[in-house]
Amino acid sequence: MSEQTKAPTSSSNRVALITGASRGLGFALAQALADEGWTLLIDARGALALKAAQQRLTQHPEARISAYAGDVADPAHQQEMARAAQSLGGIDALVNNASILGPSPQPVLFDYPLAILRQVFEVNLIAPLGLTQTMAPHLKPGARILNITSDAGVEAYPGWGGYGASKAALEHLSHILAAERPDLRVYWVDPGDMRTDLQQQAFPGEDISDRPLPEESVPGLLTLIRGDLPSGRYKARELAPPAQGSDA
């Protein structure tokens, strides 16, 4: 393994920034990394929910958790997190997980409000790139960038045009970023259907209890963060979980 792509060998000095970490997949991943003693910078729009998440995460004795409430698309908020990353000596993993669905129930494209579509692209596409650009000086050698995407970004599901188009754009952006930065590991990751608030918004009033919990997608994300798979698109639940206690 080249020195450029090798991940640190000790969890105690690893730092990750996770957006959308107050609930769902972001929180589940934060829990797993906190359990390994990572230092975490977590972000979410809702201050109260984020504070509650931080309090739960600090129950892990070796973890250090800093929470930053705000709009991930706001450059000032991005700069705030970048200053925190700099104070920690940089980050090993950037997880662009925050996203919004758009209208609920979702309209067909002929009826899609364009003002809301701009918001969806701002959060789901522009914000991940903006945060990546802002964090660029603070990415450690071989850092992992995980952009959380969806099968809606590759499949044509009626009613998912706005969200799906934003995720399709994120996938191609990620692919190009990987080609431009071979010194990093850039992953665009489909976590699969999950029992989350966003999924419930997509199917208002329906029973989604048959969907897997977000925790079932976390082992695949850990495989990408802790391992040395090449940059590319992955389905989280198809990845073998990392060996217990292993490090790349």
C-alpha atoms as a PDB file:
ATOM      1  CA  MET A   1       0.000   0.000   0.000  1.00  0.00           C
ATOM      2  CA  SER A   2       1.370   3.397  -0.942  1.00  0.00           C
ATOM      3  CA  GLU A   3       2.094   5.925   1.759  1.00  0.00           C
ATOM      4  CA  GLN A   4      -0.255   8.359   0.030  1.00  0.00           C
ATOM      5  CA  THR A   5      -3.311   6.152   0.478  1.00  0.00           C
ATOM      6  CA  LYS A   6      -2.500   4.437   3.749  1.00  0.00           C
ATOM      7  CA  ALA A   7      -4.933   5.177   6.569  1.00  0.00           C
ATOM      8  CA  PRO A   8      -3.662   5.914  10.075  1.00  0.00           C
ATOM      9  CA  THR A   9      -3.098   2.817  12.197  1.00  0.00           C
ATOM     10  CA  SER A  10      -4.548   4.138  15.453  1.00  0.00           C
ATOM     11  CA  SER A  11      -8.215   5.026  15.927  1.00  0.00           C
ATOM     12  CA  SER A  12      -7.286   7.378  18.751  1.00  0.00           C
ATOM     13  CA  ASN A  13      -5.855   9.975  16.352  1.00  0.00           C
ATOM     14  CA  ARG A  14      -8.424   9.618  13.586  1.00  0.00           C
ATOM     15  CA  VAL A  15     -10.806  12.455  12.811  1.00  0.00           C
ATOM     16  CA  ALA A  16     -14.019  12.290  10.765  1.00  0.00           C
ATOM     17  CA  LEU A  17     -16.494  14.958   9.705  1.00  0.00           C
ATOM     18  CA  ILE A  18     -20.017  13.617   9.190  1.00  0.00           C
ATOM     19  CA  THR A  19     -22.839  15.813   7.898  1.00  0.00           C
ATOM     20  CA  GLY A  20     -26.467  15.044   8.659  1.00  0.00           C
ATOM     21  CA  ALA A  21     -25.362  13.208  11.796  1.00  0.00           C
ATOM     22  CA  SER A  22     -28.225  13.901  14.184  1.00  0.00           C
ATOM     23  CA  ARG A  23     -30.225  10.857  13.084  1.00  0.00           C
ATOM     24  CA  GLY A  24     -30.442   8.050  10.548  1.00  0.00           C
ATOM     25  CA  LEU A  25     -27.367   6.816   8.713  1.00  0.00           C
ATOM     26  CA  GLY A  26     -25.166   9.723   9.803  1.00  0.00           C
ATOM     27  CA  PHE A  27     -25.826   9.086  13.474  1.00  0.00           C
ATOM     28  CA  ALA A  28     -25.445   5.313  13.099  1.00  0.00           C
ATOM     29  CA  LEU A  29     -22.028   5.787  11.473  1.00  0.00           C
ATOM     30  CA  ALA A  30     -21.025   8.312  14.136  1.00  0.00           C
ATOM     31  CA  GLN A  31     -21.907   5.772  16.827  1.00  0.00           C
ATOM     32  CA  ALA A  32     -19.732   3.120  15.218  1.00  0.00           C
ATOM     33  CA  LEU A  33     -16.743   5.452  14.883  1.00  0.00           C
ATOM     34  CA  ALA A  34     -17.208   6.831  18.396  1.00  0.00           C
ATOM     35  CA  ASP A  35     -17.113   3.263  19.673  1.00  0.00           C
ATOM     36  CA  GLU A  36     -13.668   2.954  18.055  1.00  0.00           C
ATOM     37  CA  GLY A  37     -12.438   6.144  19.722  1.00  0.00           C
ATOM     38  CA  TRP A  38     -12.527   8.475  16.720  1.00  0.00           C
ATOM     39  CA  THR A  39     -12.685  12.233  17.131  1.00  0.00           C
ATOM     40  CA  LEU A  40     -15.840  13.391  15.377  1.00  0.00           C
ATOM     41  CA  LEU A  41     -17.096  16.650  13.946  1.00  0.00           C
ATOM     42  CA  ILE A  42     -20.842  16.261  13.420  1.00  0.00           C
ATOM     43  CA  ASP A  43     -23.254  18.549  11.611  1.00  0.00           C
ATOM     44  CA  ALA A  44     -27.022  18.858  11.220  1.00  0.00           C
ATOM     45  CA  ARG A  45     -29.597  21.553  10.595  1.00  0.00           C
ATOM     46  CA  GLY A  46     -31.561  21.083  13.820  1.00  0.00           C
ATOM     47  CA  ALA A  47     -29.662  22.328  16.873  1.00  0.00           C
ATOM     48  CA  LEU A  48     -31.744  20.442  19.451  1.00  0.00           C
ATOM     49  CA  ALA A  49     -31.561  17.098  17.645  1.00  0.00           C
ATOM     50  CA  LEU A  50     -27.826  17.556  17.074  1.00  0.00           C
ATOM     51  CA  LYS A  51     -27.230  18.364  20.746  1.00  0.00           C
ATOM     52  CA  ALA A  52     -29.107  15.221  21.752  1.00  0.00           C
ATOM     53  CA  ALA A  53     -27.019  13.182  19.325  1.00  0.00           C
ATOM     54  CA  GLN A  54     -23.810  14.673  20.716  1.00  0.00           C
ATOM     55  CA  GLN A  55     -24.853  13.757  24.255  1.00  0.00           C
ATOM     56  CA  ARG A  56     -25.542  10.166  23.224  1.00  0.00           C
ATOM     57  CA  LEU A  57     -22.232   9.903  21.395  1.00  0.00           C
ATOM     58  CA  THR A  58     -20.217  11.230  24.326  1.00  0.00           C
ATOM     59  CA  GLN A  59     -21.248   8.145  26.269  1.00  0.00           C
ATOM     60  CA  HIS A  60     -18.441   6.414  24.389  1.00  0.00           C
ATOM     61  CA  PRO A  61     -15.534   6.919  26.826  1.00  0.00           C
ATOM     62  CA  GLU A  62     -12.720   7.448  24.291  1.00  0.00           C
ATOM     63  CA  ALA A  63     -14.588   9.506  21.714  1.00  0.00           C
ATOM     64  CA  ARG A  64     -14.348  13.285  21.354  1.00  0.00           C
ATOM     65  CA  ILE A  65     -17.433  14.849  19.766  1.00  0.00           C
ATOM     66  CA  SER A  66     -17.855  18.408  18.508  1.00  0.00           C
ATOM     67  CA  ALA A  67     -21.246  19.438  17.125  1.00  0.00           C
ATOM     68  CA  TYR A  68     -21.941  22.229  14.628  1.00  0.00           C
ATOM     69  CA  ALA A  69     -25.557  23.104  13.908  1.00  0.00           C
ATOM     70  CA  GLY A  70     -26.260  24.906  10.668  1.00  0.00           C
ATOM     71  CA  ASP A  71     -27.060  24.723   6.985  1.00  0.00           C
ATOM     72  CA  VAL A  72     -24.430  22.584   5.286  1.00  0.00           C
ATOM     73  CA  ALA A  73     -24.852  24.687   2.141  1.00  0.00           C
ATOM     74  CA  ASP A  74     -23.881  27.876   4.006  1.00  0.00           C
ATOM     75  CA  PRO A  75     -20.244  28.814   3.246  1.00  0.00           C
ATOM     76  CA  ALA A  76     -19.879  30.407   6.699  1.00  0.00           C
ATOM     77  CA  HIS A  77     -20.954  27.134   8.324  1.00  0.00           C
ATOM     78  CA  GLN A  78     -18.504  25.222   6.134  1.00  0.00           C
ATOM     79  CA  GLN A  79     -15.703  27.572   7.188  1.00  0.00           C
ATOM     80  CA  GLU A  80     -16.610  27.065  10.855  1.00  0.00           C
ATOM     81  CA  MET A  81     -16.142  23.320  10.474  1.00  0.00           C
ATOM     82  CA  ALA A  82     -12.941  23.818   8.490  1.00  0.00           C
ATOM     83  CA  ARG A  83     -11.461  25.829  11.363  1.00  0.00           C
ATOM     84  CA  ALA A  84     -12.340  22.989  13.719  1.00  0.00           C
ATOM     85  CA  ALA A  85     -10.691  20.480  11.382  1.00  0.00           C
ATOM     86  CA  GLN A  86      -7.563  22.618  11.208  1.00  0.00           C
ATOM     87  CA  SER A  87      -7.371  22.812  15.008  1.00  0.00           C
ATOM     88  CA  LEU A  88      -7.376  19.007  15.110  1.00  0.00           C
ATOM     89  CA  GLY A  89      -4.575  18.658  12.579  1.00  0.00           C
ATOM     90  CA  GLY A  90      -6.846  17.647   9.693  1.00  0.00           C
ATOM     91  CA  ILE A  91      -9.391  14.932   8.989  1.00  0.00           C
ATOM     92  CA  ASP A  92      -9.104  11.333   7.824  1.00  0.00           C
ATOM     93  CA  ALA A  93     -12.674  10.963   6.566  1.00  0.00           C
ATOM     94  CA  LEU A  94     -15.234  13.376   5.145  1.00  0.00           C
ATOM     95  CA  VAL A  95     -18.733  11.895   4.946  1.00  0.00           C
ATOM     96  CA  ASN A  96     -21.156  14.000   2.902  1.00  0.00           C
ATOM     97  CA  ASN A  97     -24.347  12.427   4.178  1.00  0.00           C
ATOM     98  CA  ALA A  98     -26.727  15.377   4.609  1.00  0.00           C
ATOM     99  CA  SER A  99     -29.450  15.622   1.985  1.00  0.00           C
ATOM    100  CA  ILE A 100     -33.036  16.709   1.496  1.00  0.00           C
ATOM    101  CA  LEU A 101     -35.851  14.973  -0.353  1.00  0.00           C
ATOM    102  CA  GLY A 102     -37.788  17.932  -1.697  1.00  0.00           C
ATOM    103  CA  PRO A 103     -41.596  18.001  -1.754  1.00  0.00           C
ATOM    104  CA  SER A 104     -43.535  15.325   0.104  1.00  0.00           C
ATOM    105  CA  PRO A 105     -45.368  13.646  -1.476  1.00  0.00           C
ATOM    106  CA  GLN A 106     -43.060  13.978  -4.443  1.00  0.00           C
ATOM    107  CA  PRO A 107     -44.487  15.434  -7.660  1.00  0.00           C
ATOM    108  CA  VAL A 108     -43.818  14.286 -11.193  1.00  0.00           C
ATOM    109  CA  LEU A 109     -41.327  16.422 -13.078  1.00  0.00           C
ATOM    110  CA  PHE A 110     -43.996  18.256 -15.093  1.00  0.00           C
ATOM    111  CA  ASP A 111     -45.289  19.633 -11.776  1.00  0.00           C
ATOM    112  CA  TYR A 112     -42.014  19.956  -9.869  1.00  0.00           C
ATOM    113  CA  PRO A 113     -41.527  23.448  -8.326  1.00  0.00           C
ATOM    114  CA  LEU A 114     -38.294  24.762  -9.779  1.00  0.00           C
ATOM    115  CA  ALA A 115     -37.493  26.880  -6.734  1.00  0.00           C
ATOM    116  CA  ILE A 116     -37.528  23.733  -4.583  1.00  0.00           C
ATOM    117  CA  LEU A 117     -35.498  21.834  -7.185  1.00  0.00           C
ATOM    118  CA  ARG A 118     -32.788  24.479  -6.840  1.00  0.00           C
ATOM    119  CA  GLN A 119     -32.799  23.908  -3.072  1.00  0.00           C
ATOM    120  CA  VAL A 120     -32.497  20.137  -3.549  1.00  0.00           C
ATOM    121  CA  PHE A 121     -29.483  20.576  -5.827  1.00  0.00           C
ATOM    122  CA  GLU A 122     -27.993  23.163  -3.461  1.00  0.00           C
ATOM    123  CA  VAL A 123     -28.028  20.735  -0.526  1.00  0.00           C
ATOM    124  CA  ASN A 124     -27.498  17.420  -2.326  1.00  0.00           C
ATOM    125  CA  LEU A 125     -24.891  18.492  -4.895  1.00  0.00           C
ATOM    126  CA  ILE A 126     -23.448  21.971  -4.375  1.00  0.00           C
ATOM    127  CA  ALA A 127     -22.999  21.632  -0.616  1.00  0.00           C
ATOM    128  CA  PRO A 128     -20.957  18.396  -0.760  1.00  0.00           C
ATOM    129  CA  LEU A 129     -18.614  19.926  -3.321  1.00  0.00           C
ATOM    130  CA  GLY A 130     -18.423  23.195  -1.418  1.00  0.00           C
ATOM    131  CA  LEU A 131     -17.585  21.414   1.819  1.00  0.00           C
ATOM    132  CA  THR A 132     -15.027  19.234   0.046  1.00  0.00           C
ATOM    133  CA  GLN A 133     -13.374  22.326  -1.416  1.00  0.00           C
ATOM    134  CA  THR A 134     -13.371  24.046   1.965  1.00  0.00           C
ATOM    135  CA  MET A 135     -11.907  20.980   3.669  1.00  0.00           C
ATOM    136  CA  ALA A 136      -9.309  20.338   0.958  1.00  0.00           C
ATOM    137  CA  PRO A 137      -6.411  21.999   2.869  1.00  0.00           C
ATOM    138  CA  HIS A 138      -7.291  19.922   5.928  1.00  0.00           C
ATOM    139  CA  LEU A 139      -7.566  16.463   4.350  1.00  0.00           C
ATOM    140  CA  LYS A 140      -4.818  14.199   5.614  1.00  0.00           C
ATOM    141  CA  PRO A 141      -2.811  12.166   3.068  1.00  0.00           C
ATOM    142  CA  GLY A 142      -4.973   9.341   1.757  1.00  0.00           C
ATOM    143  CA  ALA A 143      -8.142  10.747   3.308  1.00  0.00           C
ATOM    144  CA  ARG A 144     -11.444   9.074   2.486  1.00  0.00           C
ATOM    145  CA  ILE A 145     -14.313  11.089   0.992  1.00  0.00           C
ATOM    146  CA  LEU A 146     -17.681   9.347   1.135  1.00  0.00           C
ATOM    147  CA  ASN A 147     -20.551  10.903  -0.800  1.00  0.00           C
ATOM    148  CA  ILE A 148     -23.788   9.180   0.180  1.00  0.00           C
ATOM    149  CA  THR A 149     -25.936   8.593  -2.885  1.00  0.00           C
ATOM    150  CA  SER A 150     -28.941   6.444  -3.789  1.00  0.00           C
ATOM    151  CA  ASP A 151     -30.233   3.940  -6.304  1.00  0.00           C
ATOM    152  CA  ALA A 152     -32.538   6.803  -7.341  1.00  0.00           C
ATOM    153  CA  GLY A 153     -29.418   8.311  -8.892  1.00  0.00           C
ATOM    154  CA  VAL A 154     -29.110   5.450 -11.382  1.00  0.00           C
ATOM    155  CA  GLU A 155     -32.693   4.150 -11.746  1.00  0.00           C
ATOM    156  CA  ALA A 156     -35.620   6.058 -13.276  1.00  0.00           C
ATOM    157  CA  TYR A 157     -38.254   5.931 -10.548  1.00  0.00           C
ATOM    158  CA  PRO A 158     -41.389   7.954 -11.366  1.00  0.00           C
ATOM    159  CA  GLY A 159     -41.843  10.676  -8.771  1.00  0.00           C
ATOM    160  CA  TRP A 160     -38.173  10.729  -7.796  1.00  0.00           C
ATOM    161  CA  GLY A 161     -37.029  13.099 -10.535  1.00  0.00           C
ATOM    162  CA  GLY A 162     -35.762  15.944  -8.358  1.00  0.00           C
ATOM    163  CA  TYR A 163     -33.980  13.903  -5.702  1.00  0.00           C
ATOM    164  CA  GLY A 164     -32.791  11.309  -8.229  1.00  0.00           C
ATOM    165  CA  ALA A 165     -31.361  13.928 -10.573  1.00  0.00           C
ATOM    166  CA  SER A 166     -29.437  15.540  -7.703  1.00  0.00           C
ATOM    167  CA  LYS A 167     -27.969  12.185  -6.696  1.00  0.00           C
ATOM    168  CA  ALA A 168     -27.112  11.311 -10.305  1.00  0.00           C
ATOM    169  CA  ALA A 169     -25.205  14.575 -10.533  1.00  0.00           C
ATOM    170  CA  LEU A 170     -23.452  13.814  -7.235  1.00  0.00           C
ATOM    171  CA  GLU A 171     -22.410  10.409  -8.570  1.00  0.00           C
ATOM    172  CA  HIS A 172     -20.821  11.862 -11.705  1.00  0.00           C
ATOM    173  CA  LEU A 173     -19.199  14.666  -9.738  1.00  0.00           C
ATOM    174  CA  SER A 174     -17.701  12.060  -7.395  1.00  0.00           C
ATOM    175  CA  HIS A 175     -16.421  10.010 -10.326  1.00  0.00           C
ATOM    176  CA  ILE A 176     -14.647  13.020 -11.783  1.00  0.00           C
ATOM    177  CA  LEU A 177     -13.245  14.011  -8.393  1.00  0.00           C
ATOM    178  CA  ALA A 178     -11.808  10.507  -8.047  1.00  0.00           C
ATOM    179  CA  ALA A 179     -10.131  10.842 -11.448  1.00  0.00           C
ATOM    180  CA  GLU A 180      -8.720  14.252 -10.525  1.00  0.00           C
ATOM    181  CA  ARG A 181      -7.454  13.218  -7.085  1.00  0.00           C
ATOM    182  CA  PRO A 182      -5.921   9.731  -7.260  1.00  0.00           C
ATOM    183  CA  ASP A 183      -4.040  10.521  -4.033  1.00  0.00           C
ATOM    184  CA  LEU A 184      -7.339  10.293  -2.145  1.00  0.00           C
ATOM    185  CA  ARG A 185     -10.009   7.630  -1.878  1.00  0.00           C
ATOM    186  CA  VAL A 186     -13.308   8.975  -3.214  1.00  0.00           C
ATOM    187  CA  TYR A 187     -16.371   6.790  -2.772  1.00  0.00           C
ATOM    188  CA  TRP A 188     -19.962   7.337  -3.851  1.00  0.00           C
ATOM    189  CA  VAL A 189     -21.976   4.944  -1.775  1.00  0.00           C
ATOM    190  CA  ASP A 190     -25.536   3.646  -2.078  1.00  0.00           C
ATOM    191  CA  PRO A 191     -26.644   2.651   1.434  1.00  0.00           C
ATOM    192  CA  GLY A 192     -29.838   0.986   0.174  1.00  0.00           C
ATOM    193  CA  ASP A 193     -33.389   1.554   1.376  1.00  0.00           C
ATOM    194  CA  MET A 194     -33.430   2.358   5.077  1.00  0.00           C
ATOM    195  CA  ARG A 195     -35.957   3.043   7.819  1.00  0.00           C
ATOM    196  CA  THR A 196     -35.210   6.768   8.091  1.00  0.00           C
ATOM    197  CA  ASP A 197     -37.066  10.071   8.289  1.00  0.00           C
ATOM    198  CA  LEU A 198     -36.214  10.832   4.670  1.00  0.00           C
ATOM    199  CA  GLN A 199     -37.650   7.484   3.555  1.00  0.00           C
ATOM    200  CA  GLN A 200     -40.825   8.191   5.536  1.00  0.00           C
ATOM    201  CA  GLN A 201     -41.094  11.601   3.887  1.00  0.00           C
ATOM    202  CA  ALA A 202     -40.892   9.880   0.504  1.00  0.00           C
ATOM    203  CA  PHE A 203     -43.790   7.602   1.455  1.00  0.00           C
ATOM    204  CA  PRO A 204     -45.989   9.728   3.735  1.00  0.00           C
ATOM    205  CA  GLY A 205     -48.503   7.741   5.734  1.00  0.00           C
ATOM    206  CA  GLU A 206     -47.090   4.372   4.624  1.00  0.00           C
ATOM    207  CA  ASP A 207     -45.635   1.671   6.852  1.00  0.00           C
ATOM    208  CA  ILE A 208     -41.888   1.493   6.199  1.00  0.00           C
ATOM    209  CA  SER A 209     -41.099  -0.871   9.067  1.00  0.00           C
ATOM    210  CA  ASP A 210     -39.962  -3.496   6.552  1.00  0.00           C
ATOM    211  CA  ARG A 211     -36.957  -1.343   5.565  1.00  0.00           C
ATOM    212  CA  PRO A 212     -33.619  -2.219   7.190  1.00  0.00           C
ATOM    213  CA  LEU A 213     -32.358   0.044   9.946  1.00  0.00           C
ATOM    214  CA  PRO A 214     -29.477   2.381   8.990  1.00  0.00           C
ATOM    215  CA  GLU A 215     -27.164   0.352  11.234  1.00  0.00           C
ATOM    216  CA  GLU A 216     -27.252  -2.433   8.642  1.00  0.00           C
ATOM    217  CA  SER A 217     -25.459  -0.188   6.125  1.00  0.00           C
ATOM    218  CA  VAL A 218     -22.754   0.963   8.540  1.00  0.00           C
ATOM    219  CA  PRO A 219     -20.394  -2.054   8.252  1.00  0.00           C
ATOM    220  CA  GLY A 220     -19.981  -1.346   4.543  1.00  0.00           C
ATOM    221  CA  LEU A 221     -19.142   2.289   5.226  1.00  0.00           C
ATOM    222  CA  LEU A 222     -16.575   1.183   7.805  1.00  0.00           C
ATOM    223  CA  THR A 223     -15.031  -1.102   5.199  1.00  0.00           C
ATOM    224  CA  LEU A 224     -14.475   1.904   2.944  1.00  0.00           C
ATOM    225  CA  ILE A 225     -13.243   4.186   5.709  1.00  0.00           C
ATOM    226  CA  ARG A 226     -10.893   1.677   7.296  1.00  0.00           C
ATOM    227  CA  GLY A 227      -9.785  -0.264   4.231  1.00  0.00           C
ATOM    228  CA  ASP A 228      -8.062   0.578   0.962  1.00  0.00           C
ATOM    229  CA  LEU A 229     -10.571  -0.234  -1.756  1.00  0.00           C
ATOM    230  CA  PRO A 230     -10.087   1.793  -4.941  1.00  0.00           C
ATOM    231  CA  SER A 231     -12.178   4.893  -5.514  1.00  0.00           C
ATOM    232  CA  GLY A 232     -15.542   4.093  -7.034  1.00  0.00           C
ATOM    233  CA  ARG A 233     -19.237   3.391  -6.558  1.00  0.00           C
ATOM    234  CA  TYR A 234     -20.228   0.856  -3.932  1.00  0.00           C
ATOM    235  CA  LYS A 235     -23.392  -0.545  -2.397  1.00  0.00           C
ATOM    236  CA  ALA A 236     -22.842  -0.472   1.341  1.00  0.00           C
ATOM    237  CA  ARG A 237     -24.725  -3.656   2.192  1.00  0.00           C
ATOM    238  CA  GLU A 238     -22.820  -5.641  -0.448  1.00  0.00           C
ATOM    239  CA  LEU A 239     -19.434  -4.881   1.107  1.00  0.00           C
ATOM    240  CA  ALA A 240     -17.874  -7.356   3.498  1.00  0.00           C
ATOM    241  CA  PRO A 241     -17.605  -5.853   6.992  1.00  0.00           C
ATOM    242  CA  PRO A 242     -14.091  -5.026   8.207  1.00  0.00           C
ATOM    243  CA  ALA A 243     -12.396  -7.595  10.378  1.00  0.00           C
ATOM    244  CA  GLN A 244     -12.786  -6.849  14.071  1.00  0.00           C
ATOM    245  CA  GLY A 245      -9.932  -4.649  15.248  1.00  0.00           C
ATOM    246  CA  SER A 246      -8.323  -4.474  11.793  1.00  0.00           C
ATOM    247  CA  ASP A 247      -6.799  -1.337  10.312  1.00  0.00           C
ATOM    248  CA  ALA A 248      -5.527  -0.657   6.819  1.00  0.00           C
END
